[in-house]
Amino acid sequence: MTARMKRSEGRFLTTHTGSLIRPPGIVELARQAAALESAERSAYEKALRGAVADIVRNQVEAGIDVVNDGEFGKLGWANYILERLTGFGLRPVEPGGAGLAIGASLARLATDNSTTDN
C-alpha cells in the first residue's frame, strides 16, 4: 500500500512537529523495555500502541490535518540516533574537558554580547 501525501489548494493544512507529552507510565515502561529482550517487551508495545492511538485520535478531534505519533516510542533523540545509525557512540566526559570549556566560552560570549551597545 502506498501512502499519498495529503494536499490542499483551499487552505493551509495544519500539523505539528516534535514530541508530545507522554501519558504517565509510558516513559517508565519504555525504560524497562529497553533493558529486556524483544520477546519480553509485549506489555510496553501494547501500551505504546494504545497511547499512540489515543494521541492520534486527539489530534484528529482537534482538527490537525497531518497527524503523527507524538514521538511516543522514542526515549530521546540521542537514544533514537544510537539505535538507528552507525558511527555514533557514548564516551566518558573528562572533568574539565572540552565540553566544559566550550560551555564556559559560550556563556562568556553571551554575557559579552548582552552588554554591547549596537
N, C-alpha and C. Protein backbone atom coordinates (compact mmCIF):
# COMPACT_ATOMS: atom_id res chain seq x y z
N MET A 1 0.84 -1.18 0.00
CA MET A 1 0.00 0.00 0.00
C MET A 1 0.89 1.24 0.00
N THR A 2 0.62 2.14 -0.89
CA THR A 2 1.39 3.38 -0.97
C THR A 2 0.59 4.51 -0.34
N ALA A 3 1.22 5.22 0.56
CA ALA A 3 0.55 6.36 1.19
C ALA A 3 0.63 7.56 0.26
N ARG A 4 -0.44 8.30 0.20
CA ARG A 4 -0.46 9.52 -0.61
C ARG A 4 -0.30 10.72 0.30
N MET A 5 0.42 11.71 -0.19
CA MET A 5 0.61 12.93 0.57
C MET A 5 -0.70 13.72 0.58
N LYS A 6 -1.08 14.18 1.74
CA LYS A 6 -2.29 14.98 1.87
C LYS A 6 -2.00 16.38 1.33
N ARG A 7 -2.89 16.89 0.48
CA ARG A 7 -2.69 18.20 -0.15
C ARG A 7 -3.96 19.03 -0.03
N SER A 8 -3.79 20.34 -0.15
CA SER A 8 -4.94 21.23 -0.15
C SER A 8 -4.63 22.46 -0.99
N GLU A 9 -5.59 22.87 -1.79
CA GLU A 9 -5.43 24.10 -2.55
C GLU A 9 -6.25 25.23 -1.93
N GLY A 10 -7.17 24.88 -1.03
CA GLY A 10 -8.06 25.88 -0.47
C GLY A 10 -7.62 26.48 0.86
N ARG A 11 -6.68 25.83 1.54
CA ARG A 11 -6.22 26.32 2.84
C ARG A 11 -4.90 25.65 3.20
N PHE A 12 -4.23 26.20 4.20
CA PHE A 12 -3.02 25.57 4.71
C PHE A 12 -3.41 24.40 5.61
N LEU A 13 -2.79 23.27 5.40
CA LEU A 13 -3.04 22.13 6.26
C LEU A 13 -2.29 22.32 7.58
N THR A 14 -2.88 21.86 8.66
CA THR A 14 -2.24 22.01 9.97
C THR A 14 -1.52 20.72 10.36
N THR A 15 -0.39 20.89 11.01
CA THR A 15 0.36 19.78 11.55
C THR A 15 1.21 20.31 12.70
N HIS A 16 2.06 19.49 13.23
CA HIS A 16 3.00 19.92 14.26
C HIS A 16 4.20 19.01 14.19
N THR A 17 5.27 19.43 14.82
CA THR A 17 6.46 18.60 14.89
C THR A 17 6.91 18.50 16.33
N GLY A 18 7.68 17.49 16.61
CA GLY A 18 8.24 17.34 17.94
C GLY A 18 7.46 16.39 18.81
N SER A 19 7.96 16.27 20.02
CA SER A 19 7.38 15.34 20.98
C SER A 19 6.16 15.94 21.66
N LEU A 20 5.19 15.11 21.92
CA LEU A 20 4.04 15.48 22.73
C LEU A 20 4.23 14.86 24.11
N ILE A 21 3.55 15.38 25.09
CA ILE A 21 3.69 14.87 26.45
C ILE A 21 3.13 13.45 26.50
N ARG A 22 3.96 12.54 26.97
CA ARG A 22 3.56 11.13 27.04
C ARG A 22 2.67 10.89 28.25
N PRO A 23 1.76 9.92 28.14
CA PRO A 23 0.92 9.59 29.28
C PRO A 23 1.77 9.02 30.42
N PRO A 24 1.29 9.18 31.66
CA PRO A 24 2.03 8.62 32.80
C PRO A 24 2.28 7.13 32.58
N GLY A 25 3.45 6.69 32.88
CA GLY A 25 3.78 5.28 32.79
C GLY A 25 4.46 4.86 31.51
N ILE A 26 4.23 5.55 30.39
CA ILE A 26 4.83 5.13 29.12
C ILE A 26 6.36 5.27 29.17
N VAL A 27 6.85 6.37 29.71
CA VAL A 27 8.31 6.57 29.76
C VAL A 27 8.96 5.49 30.62
N GLU A 28 8.36 5.21 31.77
CA GLU A 28 8.92 4.18 32.65
C GLU A 28 8.85 2.80 31.99
N LEU A 29 7.74 2.49 31.34
CA LEU A 29 7.64 1.21 30.62
C LEU A 29 8.69 1.13 29.51
N ALA A 30 8.93 2.25 28.84
CA ALA A 30 9.94 2.27 27.76
C ALA A 30 11.33 2.00 28.32
N ARG A 31 11.64 2.61 29.46
CA ARG A 31 12.95 2.38 30.08
C ARG A 31 13.11 0.91 30.48
N GLN A 32 12.05 0.36 31.05
CA GLN A 32 12.10 -1.05 31.44
C GLN A 32 12.24 -1.94 30.21
N ALA A 33 11.50 -1.62 29.15
CA ALA A 33 11.52 -2.45 27.94
C ALA A 33 12.89 -2.39 27.26
N ALA A 34 13.57 -1.25 27.35
CA ALA A 34 14.88 -1.12 26.71
C ALA A 34 15.87 -2.12 27.28
N ALA A 35 15.69 -2.51 28.53
CA ALA A 35 16.61 -3.45 29.18
C ALA A 35 16.21 -4.91 28.95
N LEU A 36 15.08 -5.15 28.30
CA LEU A 36 14.58 -6.51 28.12
C LEU A 36 14.85 -7.02 26.71
N GLU A 37 14.80 -8.31 26.57
CA GLU A 37 14.85 -8.93 25.24
C GLU A 37 13.55 -8.59 24.50
N SER A 38 13.60 -8.55 23.19
CA SER A 38 12.43 -8.15 22.40
C SER A 38 11.21 -9.02 22.68
N ALA A 39 11.39 -10.29 22.99
CA ALA A 39 10.25 -11.18 23.26
C ALA A 39 9.53 -10.80 24.56
N GLU A 40 10.21 -10.10 25.46
CA GLU A 40 9.62 -9.75 26.75
C GLU A 40 9.06 -8.33 26.78
N ARG A 41 9.02 -7.65 25.65
CA ARG A 41 8.60 -6.25 25.61
C ARG A 41 7.14 -6.07 25.25
N SER A 42 6.35 -7.13 25.28
CA SER A 42 4.97 -7.06 24.78
C SER A 42 4.10 -6.09 25.58
N ALA A 43 4.28 -5.99 26.90
CA ALA A 43 3.46 -5.08 27.70
C ALA A 43 3.70 -3.63 27.27
N TYR A 44 4.96 -3.29 27.07
CA TYR A 44 5.30 -1.93 26.61
C TYR A 44 4.73 -1.67 25.22
N GLU A 45 4.93 -2.61 24.31
CA GLU A 45 4.46 -2.42 22.94
C GLU A 45 2.94 -2.27 22.88
N LYS A 46 2.22 -3.02 23.71
CA LYS A 46 0.76 -2.90 23.75
C LYS A 46 0.35 -1.54 24.31
N ALA A 47 1.00 -1.10 25.39
CA ALA A 47 0.71 0.22 25.97
C ALA A 47 1.05 1.33 24.99
N LEU A 48 2.15 1.17 24.27
CA LEU A 48 2.57 2.18 23.29
C LEU A 48 1.55 2.29 22.16
N ARG A 49 1.09 1.15 21.63
CA ARG A 49 0.08 1.19 20.56
C ARG A 49 -1.19 1.91 21.03
N GLY A 50 -1.62 1.63 22.25
CA GLY A 50 -2.80 2.31 22.79
C GLY A 50 -2.59 3.80 22.97
N ALA A 51 -1.42 4.18 23.47
CA ALA A 51 -1.12 5.61 23.69
C ALA A 51 -1.04 6.35 22.36
N VAL A 52 -0.44 5.73 21.36
CA VAL A 52 -0.34 6.37 20.04
C VAL A 52 -1.74 6.51 19.42
N ALA A 53 -2.56 5.48 19.54
CA ALA A 53 -3.93 5.56 19.02
C ALA A 53 -4.69 6.71 19.69
N ASP A 54 -4.51 6.86 21.00
CA ASP A 54 -5.19 7.95 21.72
C ASP A 54 -4.70 9.32 21.26
N ILE A 55 -3.38 9.49 21.11
CA ILE A 55 -2.87 10.81 20.75
C ILE A 55 -3.22 11.16 19.30
N VAL A 56 -3.26 10.17 18.43
CA VAL A 56 -3.69 10.42 17.04
C VAL A 56 -5.16 10.82 17.03
N ARG A 57 -5.99 10.12 17.81
CA ARG A 57 -7.41 10.46 17.90
C ARG A 57 -7.58 11.89 18.43
N ASN A 58 -6.80 12.26 19.45
CA ASN A 58 -6.87 13.62 20.00
C ASN A 58 -6.51 14.67 18.95
N GLN A 59 -5.50 14.36 18.13
CA GLN A 59 -5.10 15.31 17.09
C GLN A 59 -6.20 15.48 16.04
N VAL A 60 -6.80 14.37 15.65
CA VAL A 60 -7.89 14.43 14.67
C VAL A 60 -9.05 15.24 15.23
N GLU A 61 -9.40 14.98 16.48
CA GLU A 61 -10.51 15.71 17.12
C GLU A 61 -10.20 17.20 17.25
N ALA A 62 -8.90 17.55 17.37
CA ALA A 62 -8.51 18.96 17.48
C ALA A 62 -8.43 19.64 16.12
N GLY A 63 -8.60 18.87 15.03
CA GLY A 63 -8.59 19.45 13.70
C GLY A 63 -7.24 19.44 13.01
N ILE A 64 -6.26 18.71 13.56
CA ILE A 64 -4.96 18.59 12.92
C ILE A 64 -5.13 17.75 11.66
N ASP A 65 -4.63 18.27 10.52
CA ASP A 65 -4.80 17.56 9.25
C ASP A 65 -3.79 16.43 9.08
N VAL A 66 -2.53 16.70 9.41
CA VAL A 66 -1.46 15.73 9.23
C VAL A 66 -0.95 15.36 10.62
N VAL A 67 -1.39 14.21 11.11
CA VAL A 67 -1.11 13.80 12.48
C VAL A 67 0.18 12.99 12.55
N ASN A 68 0.69 12.81 13.77
CA ASN A 68 1.85 11.93 13.95
C ASN A 68 1.75 11.24 15.30
N ASP A 69 2.74 10.42 15.61
CA ASP A 69 2.71 9.60 16.82
C ASP A 69 3.20 10.33 18.07
N GLY A 70 3.52 11.61 17.96
CA GLY A 70 3.98 12.39 19.11
C GLY A 70 5.35 11.97 19.60
N GLU A 71 6.03 11.12 18.83
CA GLU A 71 7.34 10.58 19.20
C GLU A 71 7.28 9.79 20.50
N PHE A 72 6.13 9.15 20.75
CA PHE A 72 5.96 8.38 21.99
C PHE A 72 6.95 7.22 22.11
N GLY A 73 7.32 6.64 21.00
CA GLY A 73 8.19 5.47 21.03
C GLY A 73 9.67 5.77 21.23
N LYS A 74 10.03 7.05 21.32
CA LYS A 74 11.43 7.42 21.48
C LYS A 74 11.69 7.87 22.92
N LEU A 75 12.73 7.32 23.52
CA LEU A 75 13.11 7.78 24.86
C LEU A 75 13.78 9.14 24.78
N GLY A 76 14.39 9.43 23.69
CA GLY A 76 15.07 10.71 23.49
C GLY A 76 15.76 10.70 22.15
N TRP A 77 16.07 11.87 21.65
CA TRP A 77 16.67 11.98 20.32
C TRP A 77 18.01 11.27 20.26
N ALA A 78 18.84 11.44 21.28
CA ALA A 78 20.16 10.81 21.27
C ALA A 78 20.04 9.29 21.24
N ASN A 79 19.13 8.73 22.02
CA ASN A 79 18.92 7.28 22.01
C ASN A 79 18.43 6.81 20.66
N TYR A 80 17.55 7.58 20.06
CA TYR A 80 16.98 7.23 18.76
C TYR A 80 18.10 7.12 17.72
N ILE A 81 19.01 8.08 17.73
CA ILE A 81 20.14 8.07 16.80
C ILE A 81 21.03 6.85 17.04
N LEU A 82 21.34 6.59 18.32
CA LEU A 82 22.22 5.47 18.65
C LEU A 82 21.63 4.13 18.21
N GLU A 83 20.30 4.03 18.22
CA GLU A 83 19.65 2.78 17.83
C GLU A 83 19.60 2.59 16.32
N ARG A 84 19.64 3.66 15.55
CA ARG A 84 19.37 3.55 14.12
C ARG A 84 20.54 3.88 13.19
N LEU A 85 21.55 4.57 13.68
CA LEU A 85 22.68 4.93 12.84
C LEU A 85 23.97 4.37 13.40
N THR A 86 24.89 4.09 12.53
CA THR A 86 26.20 3.64 12.98
C THR A 86 27.15 4.83 13.00
N GLY A 87 28.25 4.66 13.70
CA GLY A 87 29.26 5.72 13.75
C GLY A 87 29.10 6.64 14.95
N PHE A 88 28.06 6.44 15.74
CA PHE A 88 27.85 7.22 16.95
C PHE A 88 28.03 6.31 18.15
N GLY A 89 28.54 6.86 19.22
CA GLY A 89 28.71 6.06 20.42
C GLY A 89 28.84 6.95 21.63
N LEU A 90 28.77 6.33 22.78
CA LEU A 90 28.91 7.07 24.03
C LEU A 90 30.36 7.00 24.48
N ARG A 91 30.84 8.06 25.05
CA ARG A 91 32.17 8.05 25.64
C ARG A 91 32.17 8.93 26.87
N PRO A 92 33.01 8.64 27.82
CA PRO A 92 33.01 9.43 29.05
C PRO A 92 33.54 10.84 28.81
N VAL A 93 33.01 11.78 29.56
CA VAL A 93 33.48 13.17 29.50
C VAL A 93 34.42 13.36 30.68
N GLU A 94 35.62 13.77 30.38
CA GLU A 94 36.61 14.01 31.43
C GLU A 94 36.29 15.32 32.15
N PRO A 95 36.43 15.34 33.47
CA PRO A 95 36.22 16.60 34.20
C PRO A 95 37.14 17.69 33.64
N GLY A 96 36.57 18.85 33.37
CA GLY A 96 37.35 19.96 32.81
C GLY A 96 37.67 19.78 31.35
N GLY A 97 37.00 18.81 30.69
CA GLY A 97 37.28 18.52 29.29
C GLY A 97 36.74 19.58 28.34
N ALA A 98 36.85 19.30 27.06
CA ALA A 98 36.49 20.26 26.02
C ALA A 98 35.04 20.71 26.12
N GLY A 99 34.13 19.80 26.49
CA GLY A 99 32.72 20.18 26.59
C GLY A 99 32.50 21.29 27.59
N LEU A 100 33.18 21.22 28.73
CA LEU A 100 33.04 22.27 29.74
C LEU A 100 33.68 23.56 29.27
N ALA A 101 34.81 23.47 28.59
CA ALA A 101 35.48 24.67 28.09
C ALA A 101 34.62 25.37 27.05
N ILE A 102 34.01 24.60 26.17
CA ILE A 102 33.14 25.19 25.16
C ILE A 102 31.93 25.85 25.82
N GLY A 103 31.33 25.18 26.81
CA GLY A 103 30.19 25.77 27.52
C GLY A 103 30.56 27.07 28.20
N ALA A 104 31.72 27.11 28.83
CA ALA A 104 32.18 28.34 29.50
C ALA A 104 32.41 29.44 28.48
N SER A 105 32.98 29.10 27.33
CA SER A 105 33.22 30.10 26.28
C SER A 105 31.91 30.66 25.75
N LEU A 106 30.92 29.79 25.54
CA LEU A 106 29.62 30.27 25.07
C LEU A 106 28.94 31.17 26.09
N ALA A 107 29.03 30.81 27.36
CA ALA A 107 28.44 31.64 28.41
C ALA A 107 29.12 33.01 28.45
N ARG A 108 30.44 33.03 28.33
CA ARG A 108 31.18 34.30 28.33
C ARG A 108 30.79 35.14 27.11
N LEU A 109 30.67 34.49 25.95
CA LEU A 109 30.29 35.19 24.72
C LEU A 109 28.89 35.79 24.86
N ALA A 110 27.97 35.04 25.43
CA ALA A 110 26.60 35.54 25.62
C ALA A 110 26.59 36.73 26.55
N THR A 111 27.38 36.68 27.62
CA THR A 111 27.45 37.80 28.57
C THR A 111 28.06 39.01 27.89
N ASP A 112 29.13 38.81 27.14
CA ASP A 112 29.78 39.93 26.45
C ASP A 112 28.84 40.59 25.46
N ASN A 113 28.07 39.78 24.70
CA ASN A 113 27.15 40.32 23.69
C ASN A 113 25.97 41.04 24.32
N SER A 114 25.58 40.63 25.52
CA SER A 114 24.41 41.26 26.14
C SER A 114 24.72 42.66 26.64
N THR A 115 26.00 42.99 26.81
CA THR A 115 26.37 44.33 27.29
C THR A 115 26.88 45.24 26.19
N THR A 116 26.89 44.74 24.94
CA THR A 116 27.38 45.52 23.82
C THR A 116 26.30 46.45 23.31
N ASP A 117 26.64 47.72 23.11
CA ASP A 117 25.70 48.68 22.51
C ASP A 117 25.77 48.56 21.01
N ASN A 118 24.65 48.34 20.38
CA ASN A 118 24.61 48.24 18.91
C ASN A 118 23.87 49.40 18.34
